[in-house]
Amino acid sequence: MSTTLTPYLSFGGNTREVFAFYEKALGAKIEAMMSYDDMPASPAGADGCGDGPRPTGTSIMHACLALPGGAKLFAGDVPPGMPYDGVKGAMLALQYDTVDQAHGAFHALSQGGQVTMPLAPAFWAKTFGMLTDRFGVCWGVNGESIAFG
């Protein structure tokens, strides 16, 4: 039995913009971008929206970004009427085979964001750094793992 774990982020109405940025910054490919208007009709509650009215509009219900190497990132805009408090309490970690790949991703993701730990050698990788991108998502970027333990 295999298991995959895929982060699923929520945004406050700008998932299209976020994923366009990530697609370019990470050399990824958007595989899905479905709006609430794209949702098929379903029995009450079967769409995951509870007993309330079915959300409609061009906000993104589900998006899928495929990264090189097979990892995926999912996201969507919070349904209309639900509060959005930003992405909190999590960091997305990227692992790259080379220091150069890590530097490229780190630089691209940091545009308009804030570097919280510049890239530098770490005991587990030849380079590691952290940043919060311009959308409020925290990233840890590793380049070229070092065997330890």
Protein backbone atom coordinates (compact mmCIF):
# COMPACT_ATOMS: atom_id res chain seq x y z
CA MET A 1 0.00 0.00 0.00
CA SER A 2 1.40 3.40 -0.92
CA THR A 3 0.52 6.71 0.63
CA THR A 4 0.96 10.23 -0.66
CA LEU A 5 0.55 13.41 1.31
CA THR A 6 -0.40 16.48 -0.70
CA PRO A 7 -0.62 19.96 0.85
CA TYR A 8 -3.97 21.68 0.22
CA LEU A 9 -3.87 25.44 0.72
CA SER A 10 -6.77 27.87 0.98
CA PHE A 11 -6.62 31.40 -0.36
CA GLY A 12 -8.89 34.41 -0.11
CA GLY A 13 -9.87 34.71 -3.77
CA ASN A 14 -6.50 34.79 -5.55
CA THR A 15 -5.72 31.12 -6.22
CA ARG A 16 -5.40 31.79 -9.97
CA GLU A 17 -2.73 34.44 -9.34
CA VAL A 18 -0.92 32.31 -6.75
CA PHE A 19 -0.75 29.24 -8.97
CA ALA A 20 0.36 31.26 -12.01
CA PHE A 21 3.22 32.57 -9.86
CA TYR A 22 4.11 29.10 -8.52
CA GLU A 23 3.93 27.57 -12.00
CA LYS A 24 6.58 29.99 -13.23
CA ALA A 25 8.69 30.11 -10.04
CA LEU A 26 8.87 26.33 -9.63
CA GLY A 27 8.88 25.20 -13.27
CA ALA A 28 5.59 23.44 -12.52
CA LYS A 29 2.41 22.83 -14.53
CA ILE A 30 -1.14 23.69 -13.57
CA GLU A 31 -3.12 20.47 -14.12
CA ALA A 32 -6.51 21.68 -12.86
CA MET A 33 -8.18 25.02 -12.20
CA MET A 34 -11.89 24.50 -11.46
CA SER A 35 -14.21 27.30 -10.40
CA TYR A 36 -17.32 26.95 -8.28
CA ASP A 37 -19.31 27.45 -11.50
CA ASP A 38 -17.58 24.33 -12.91
CA MET A 39 -18.99 22.14 -10.13
CA PRO A 40 -21.56 19.62 -11.33
CA ALA A 41 -24.96 19.61 -9.65
CA SER A 42 -25.08 17.22 -6.72
CA PRO A 43 -27.50 16.17 -3.98
CA ALA A 44 -27.66 18.56 -1.01
CA GLY A 45 -24.50 18.26 1.08
CA ALA A 46 -22.74 15.91 -1.35
CA ASP A 47 -20.57 18.71 -2.70
CA GLY A 48 -18.83 19.19 0.63
CA CYS A 49 -20.51 22.55 1.23
CA GLY A 50 -22.81 21.42 4.03
CA ASP A 51 -26.44 22.40 4.18
CA GLY A 52 -25.98 25.96 2.91
CA PRO A 53 -26.42 27.15 -0.63
CA ARG A 54 -24.00 25.78 -3.19
CA PRO A 55 -21.19 28.29 -3.84
CA THR A 56 -21.13 29.79 -7.32
CA GLY A 57 -18.84 32.10 -9.21
CA THR A 58 -15.42 32.21 -10.76
CA SER A 59 -13.53 31.72 -7.49
CA ILE A 60 -11.44 28.57 -7.55
CA MET A 61 -12.94 25.51 -5.90
CA HIS A 62 -9.95 23.26 -6.68
CA ALA A 63 -6.57 23.70 -8.33
CA CYS A 64 -3.74 21.21 -8.83
CA LEU A 65 -0.12 22.12 -9.52
CA ALA A 66 2.27 19.37 -10.63
CA LEU A 67 5.91 19.99 -9.72
CA PRO A 68 8.87 18.46 -11.54
CA GLY A 69 9.55 15.04 -10.02
CA GLY A 70 5.91 14.24 -9.33
CA ALA A 71 4.98 16.21 -6.19
CA LYS A 72 1.67 18.06 -6.25
CA LEU A 73 0.19 21.06 -4.52
CA PHE A 74 -3.57 21.58 -4.24
CA ALA A 75 -5.38 24.81 -3.40
CA GLY A 76 -8.66 26.64 -3.65
CA ASP A 77 -10.36 29.86 -2.64
CA VAL A 78 -12.41 29.73 0.54
CA PRO A 79 -16.12 29.47 -0.30
CA PRO A 80 -18.04 32.75 -0.38
CA GLY A 81 -19.06 33.90 3.07
CA MET A 82 -16.35 31.93 4.89
CA PRO A 83 -13.58 33.81 6.70
CA TYR A 84 -10.03 33.74 5.38
CA ASP A 85 -7.25 34.26 7.90
CA GLY A 86 -4.28 33.45 5.69
CA VAL A 87 -2.05 30.39 5.61
CA LYS A 88 -0.82 29.78 9.16
CA GLY A 89 1.06 27.14 11.09
CA ALA A 90 2.68 25.34 8.18
CA MET A 91 5.78 25.50 5.99
CA LEU A 92 6.09 23.86 2.58
CA ALA A 93 9.49 22.18 2.23
CA LEU A 94 11.16 21.78 -1.15
CA GLN A 95 14.07 19.38 -1.69
CA TYR A 96 16.34 19.84 -4.70
CA ASP A 97 19.12 17.60 -5.97
CA THR A 98 21.51 20.52 -6.46
CA VAL A 99 22.41 23.77 -4.76
CA ASP A 100 21.82 25.64 -8.04
CA GLN A 101 18.24 24.33 -8.30
CA ALA A 102 17.58 25.39 -4.71
CA HIS A 103 18.99 28.87 -5.36
CA GLY A 104 16.78 29.28 -8.44
CA ALA A 105 13.58 28.30 -6.63
CA PHE A 106 14.47 30.35 -3.54
CA HIS A 107 15.14 33.46 -5.60
CA ALA A 108 11.94 33.06 -7.64
CA LEU A 109 9.71 32.42 -4.62
CA SER A 110 11.18 35.32 -2.65
CA GLN A 111 10.20 37.93 -5.25
CA GLY A 112 7.85 40.31 -3.43
CA GLY A 113 8.11 38.22 -0.27
CA GLN A 114 10.35 38.17 2.78
CA VAL A 115 13.45 36.07 3.33
CA THR A 116 13.37 34.85 6.93
CA MET A 117 16.58 32.77 6.73
CA PRO A 118 18.99 33.29 3.82
CA LEU A 119 20.32 30.24 2.03
CA ALA A 120 23.30 28.80 3.88
CA PRO A 121 24.86 25.41 4.59
CA ALA A 122 23.03 23.21 7.09
CA PHE A 123 23.99 19.88 8.63
CA TRP A 124 21.33 18.08 6.51
CA ALA A 125 21.82 19.91 3.19
CA LYS A 126 24.51 21.84 1.38
CA THR A 127 22.09 24.77 1.40
CA PHE A 128 18.88 25.62 3.23
CA GLY A 129 16.83 28.78 3.55
CA MET A 130 13.36 29.94 4.54
CA LEU A 131 11.06 32.62 3.19
CA THR A 132 7.48 33.81 3.24
CA ASP A 133 6.28 34.47 -0.29
CA ARG A 134 4.17 37.46 -1.32
CA PHE A 135 1.01 35.40 -0.72
CA GLY A 136 1.87 34.63 2.91
CA VAL A 137 3.00 31.01 2.35
CA CYS A 138 6.12 29.90 4.24
CA TRP A 139 8.71 27.84 2.36
CA GLY A 140 11.81 25.92 3.37
CA VAL A 141 14.18 25.26 0.46
CA ASN A 142 16.80 22.52 0.66
CA GLY A 143 19.55 21.90 -1.88
CA GLU A 144 21.66 18.75 -2.13
CA SER A 145 21.03 16.55 0.89
CA ILE A 146 23.87 15.47 3.16
CA ALA A 147 23.75 12.02 4.75
CA PHE A 148 23.71 12.22 8.52
CA GLY A 149 22.68 10.09 11.47
